[in-house]
Amino acid sequence: MGGFFDIPSDLQASWWGLIGLHLEEALVPVLFGLLIALPLAQLCARFRWLYPPMLGITTVLYALPSLAFIVLLINWTGLSTTTVEIPLTIYSLVVLIPAIVDGVRSVPEETHAAATAMGFGPIRRYIQVELPIAVPAIFAGLRVATVSSISLVSVGALIGNEGGLGNLLSDALHYHRPILAWNSVLTTAVLAILIDGLLVLLRRLLTPWAVR
């Protein structure tokens, strides 16, 4: 039967190796999503008419089932990590863009006026004034996007990609070992909780003024 940590040899990776692969495939899309969301959110905050269509497009893409999205991409990117990371990056945008926009819009008008009076242009004001004040809102979105990405990475195993802990779900069926499925589910949940806790700690370090 094998124990909880008895990983099948066909995976060619240890339990810790699967965790490393899982985190890599989950966190890289969130990082790319954040890098894309920051300039897009700036445009949405500056040109308010742009926000509704931007939100509509990302929401429609988010509504696509992850497996169907991945299958559509296979013709262009093949059975690769990229095929999984592209949908996860897009999914993160629907959370990150509203979070950043809401955070930036929460900046008081007097703060905008003070920055303008000091000679700050739109980009400099966005980076040095608005984003630091918006950090709590940004991290709220970042936490949701990260936990969602960690949970969705496992779908990649269904197309033969090295989907980290998702491979244990496939092997649980193949070898008739339910314990592997429990391993995948519980480990993924613990990872999500730990990473979420780290993000909370990082937010508190970056915003000591927001902590009582």
Protein backbone atom coordinates (compact mmCIF):
# COMPACT_ATOMS: atom_id res chain seq x y z
CA MET A 1 0.00 0.00 0.00
CA GLY A 2 2.69 2.48 0.99
CA GLY A 3 2.64 5.25 3.56
CA PHE A 4 1.67 8.91 3.49
CA PHE A 5 5.13 10.02 2.32
CA ASP A 6 5.80 7.04 0.06
CA ILE A 7 5.95 8.81 -3.32
CA PRO A 8 5.69 6.62 -6.47
CA SER A 9 8.95 6.31 -8.37
CA ASP A 10 7.36 7.37 -11.67
CA LEU A 11 7.22 10.98 -10.41
CA GLN A 12 11.03 11.09 -10.22
CA ALA A 13 10.80 13.55 -7.33
CA SER A 14 10.64 13.44 -3.56
CA TRP A 15 7.80 14.89 -1.49
CA TRP A 16 9.86 18.03 -0.93
CA GLY A 17 10.64 18.17 -4.64
CA LEU A 18 6.93 18.11 -5.47
CA ILE A 19 6.34 20.93 -2.99
CA GLY A 20 9.08 22.98 -4.65
CA LEU A 21 7.59 22.43 -8.11
CA HIS A 22 4.13 23.27 -6.81
CA LEU A 23 5.23 26.55 -5.26
CA GLU A 24 7.22 27.53 -8.35
CA GLU A 25 4.28 26.95 -10.69
CA ALA A 26 1.89 28.74 -8.30
CA LEU A 27 3.92 31.81 -7.30
CA VAL A 28 5.49 32.71 -10.65
CA PRO A 29 2.07 33.47 -12.24
CA VAL A 30 1.11 35.64 -9.25
CA LEU A 31 4.36 37.59 -9.61
CA PHE A 32 3.77 38.11 -13.33
CA GLY A 33 0.16 39.02 -12.59
CA LEU A 34 1.28 41.67 -10.12
CA LEU A 35 3.77 43.15 -12.60
CA ILE A 36 1.02 43.34 -15.24
CA ALA A 37 -1.66 44.59 -12.84
CA LEU A 38 0.38 47.54 -11.50
CA PRO A 39 0.52 49.53 -14.78
CA LEU A 40 -3.00 48.46 -15.80
CA ALA A 41 -4.37 49.61 -12.45
CA GLN A 42 -2.59 52.94 -12.88
CA LEU A 43 -4.32 53.41 -16.23
CA CYS A 44 -7.69 52.45 -14.71
CA ALA A 45 -7.21 54.86 -11.80
CA ARG A 46 -6.13 57.67 -14.13
CA PHE A 47 -8.76 57.04 -16.81
CA ARG A 48 -11.89 55.97 -14.96
CA TRP A 49 -13.75 55.03 -18.14
CA LEU A 50 -11.17 52.28 -18.74
CA TYR A 51 -11.87 50.43 -15.48
CA PRO A 52 -15.30 48.86 -16.30
CA PRO A 53 -14.22 47.27 -19.63
CA MET A 54 -10.91 46.14 -18.10
CA LEU A 55 -12.75 44.50 -15.22
CA GLY A 56 -15.27 42.99 -17.62
CA ILE A 57 -12.58 41.39 -19.80
CA THR A 58 -10.68 39.89 -16.86
CA THR A 59 -13.91 38.63 -15.29
CA VAL A 60 -14.96 36.86 -18.51
CA LEU A 61 -11.53 35.21 -18.74
CA TYR A 62 -11.75 34.22 -15.07
CA ALA A 63 -15.10 32.56 -15.77
CA LEU A 64 -13.46 30.15 -18.20
CA PRO A 65 -12.88 26.75 -16.54
CA SER A 66 -9.19 26.30 -15.86
CA LEU A 67 -8.99 22.91 -17.58
CA ALA A 68 -10.74 24.20 -20.70
CA PHE A 69 -8.44 27.24 -20.76
CA ILE A 70 -5.39 24.97 -20.54
CA VAL A 71 -6.64 22.70 -23.31
CA LEU A 72 -7.14 25.71 -25.61
CA LEU A 73 -3.53 26.77 -25.05
CA ILE A 74 -1.98 23.37 -25.75
CA ASN A 75 -2.00 23.98 -29.52
CA TRP A 76 0.32 26.97 -29.03
CA THR A 77 2.38 26.22 -25.94
CA GLY A 78 2.26 22.42 -25.81
CA LEU A 79 2.32 20.30 -22.67
CA SER A 80 4.52 22.72 -20.79
CA THR A 81 4.58 24.70 -17.58
CA THR A 82 3.76 27.81 -19.61
CA THR A 83 0.40 26.28 -20.56
CA VAL A 84 -0.55 26.21 -16.88
CA GLU A 85 1.02 29.50 -15.85
CA ILE A 86 -0.72 31.66 -18.49
CA PRO A 87 -4.25 30.98 -17.16
CA LEU A 88 -3.09 31.40 -13.57
CA THR A 89 -1.53 34.76 -14.44
CA ILE A 90 -4.77 35.92 -16.07
CA TYR A 91 -6.84 34.67 -13.15
CA SER A 92 -4.72 36.70 -10.74
CA LEU A 93 -5.49 39.90 -12.68
CA VAL A 94 -9.20 39.80 -11.85
CA VAL A 95 -8.26 39.98 -8.16
CA LEU A 96 -5.19 42.21 -8.27
CA ILE A 97 -6.43 44.98 -10.58
CA PRO A 98 -9.52 45.85 -8.45
CA ALA A 99 -7.45 45.63 -5.26
CA ILE A 100 -4.82 48.05 -6.56
CA VAL A 101 -7.40 50.43 -8.06
CA ASP A 102 -9.39 50.51 -4.81
CA GLY A 103 -6.21 51.08 -2.82
CA VAL A 104 -5.07 53.94 -5.05
CA ARG A 105 -8.52 55.55 -5.03
CA SER A 106 -8.49 55.47 -1.22
CA VAL A 107 -5.60 57.94 -1.13
CA PRO A 108 -6.94 61.26 0.28
CA GLU A 109 -7.24 64.19 -2.10
CA GLU A 110 -5.06 66.36 0.15
CA THR A 111 -2.28 63.79 -0.27
CA HIS A 112 -2.61 64.07 -4.05
CA ALA A 113 -2.56 67.85 -3.79
CA ALA A 114 0.54 67.82 -1.57
CA ALA A 115 2.41 65.50 -3.94
CA THR A 116 1.47 67.65 -6.94
CA ALA A 117 2.59 70.78 -5.12
CA MET A 118 5.98 69.11 -4.50
CA GLY A 119 6.36 68.60 -8.25
CA PHE A 120 5.49 64.89 -8.43
CA GLY A 121 4.37 63.78 -11.88
CA PRO A 122 1.68 61.07 -12.34
CA ILE A 123 4.14 58.15 -12.48
CA ARG A 124 6.32 59.33 -9.60
CA ARG A 125 3.25 60.08 -7.49
CA TYR A 126 1.85 56.63 -8.27
CA ILE A 127 5.06 54.84 -7.24
CA GLN A 128 6.17 56.94 -4.27
CA VAL A 129 2.86 58.11 -2.82
CA GLU A 130 -0.17 56.12 -3.94
CA LEU A 131 1.22 52.57 -3.95
CA PRO A 132 2.73 52.76 -0.43
CA ILE A 133 -0.60 53.98 0.96
CA ALA A 134 -2.41 51.28 -1.03
CA VAL A 135 -0.20 48.45 0.30
CA PRO A 136 -2.86 46.99 2.68
CA ALA A 137 -5.42 46.78 -0.14
CA ILE A 138 -2.84 45.37 -2.56
CA PHE A 139 -1.82 42.65 -0.11
CA ALA A 140 -5.46 41.74 0.48
CA GLY A 141 -5.77 41.01 -3.25
CA LEU A 142 -2.36 39.37 -3.35
CA ARG A 143 -3.36 36.93 -0.61
CA VAL A 144 -6.50 35.86 -2.48
CA ALA A 145 -4.63 35.50 -5.79
CA THR A 146 -1.84 33.47 -4.19
CA VAL A 147 -4.08 31.02 -2.35
CA SER A 148 -6.19 30.58 -5.50
CA SER A 149 -3.09 29.91 -7.60
CA ILE A 150 -1.75 27.34 -5.13
CA SER A 151 -5.03 25.45 -5.30
CA LEU A 152 -5.34 25.58 -9.12
CA VAL A 153 -1.81 24.41 -10.00
CA SER A 154 -2.84 20.80 -9.49
CA VAL A 155 -5.04 20.98 -12.61
CA GLY A 156 -1.85 20.90 -14.68
CA ALA A 157 -1.34 17.24 -13.76
CA LEU A 158 -4.45 16.35 -15.80
CA ILE A 159 -2.67 17.28 -19.04
CA GLY A 160 0.55 15.48 -18.16
CA ASN A 161 2.38 18.55 -16.91
CA GLU A 162 4.55 18.28 -13.79
CA GLY A 163 1.88 19.97 -11.70
CA GLY A 164 3.62 19.55 -8.38
CA LEU A 165 1.34 17.99 -5.79
CA GLY A 166 -1.36 17.50 -8.42
CA ASN A 167 0.59 14.49 -9.68
CA LEU A 168 -0.26 12.71 -6.45
CA LEU A 169 -3.95 12.95 -7.35
CA SER A 170 -3.30 11.25 -10.69
CA ASP A 171 -1.19 8.54 -9.09
CA ALA A 172 -3.81 8.00 -6.39
CA LEU A 173 -6.16 6.82 -9.15
CA HIS A 174 -3.51 4.99 -11.13
CA TYR A 175 -2.13 2.99 -8.20
CA HIS A 176 -5.43 2.82 -6.25
CA ARG A 177 -3.81 4.57 -3.28
CA PRO A 178 -6.24 7.10 -1.73
CA ILE A 179 -3.53 8.08 0.75
CA LEU A 180 -1.76 9.93 -2.09
CA ALA A 181 -4.86 12.04 -2.68
CA TRP A 182 -4.98 12.89 1.03
CA ASN A 183 -1.30 13.81 0.86
CA SER A 184 -1.94 16.16 -2.07
CA VAL A 185 -5.00 17.82 -0.54
CA LEU A 186 -3.59 18.28 2.96
CA THR A 187 -0.17 19.44 1.80
CA THR A 188 -1.72 21.95 -0.61
CA ALA A 189 -3.95 23.32 2.18
CA VAL A 190 -1.00 23.66 4.57
CA LEU A 191 1.07 25.41 1.88
CA ALA A 192 -1.74 27.88 1.22
CA ILE A 193 -2.05 28.66 4.94
CA LEU A 194 1.72 29.10 5.39
CA ILE A 195 2.15 31.35 2.34
CA ASP A 196 -0.87 33.40 3.38
CA GLY A 197 0.68 33.83 6.82
CA LEU A 198 3.96 34.96 5.28
CA LEU A 199 2.13 37.55 3.19
CA VAL A 200 0.38 38.87 6.30
CA LEU A 201 3.75 39.15 8.05
CA LEU A 202 5.30 40.91 5.05
CA ARG A 203 2.40 43.36 4.90
CA ARG A 204 2.88 44.22 8.56
CA LEU A 205 6.60 44.78 8.01
CA LEU A 206 5.91 47.06 5.06
CA THR A 207 3.15 48.99 6.83
CA PRO A 208 4.12 49.35 10.50
CA TRP A 209 1.86 52.39 10.66
CA ALA A 210 -1.16 50.16 9.99
CA VAL A 211 -0.47 47.86 12.95
CA ARG A 212 -1.76 48.87 16.39
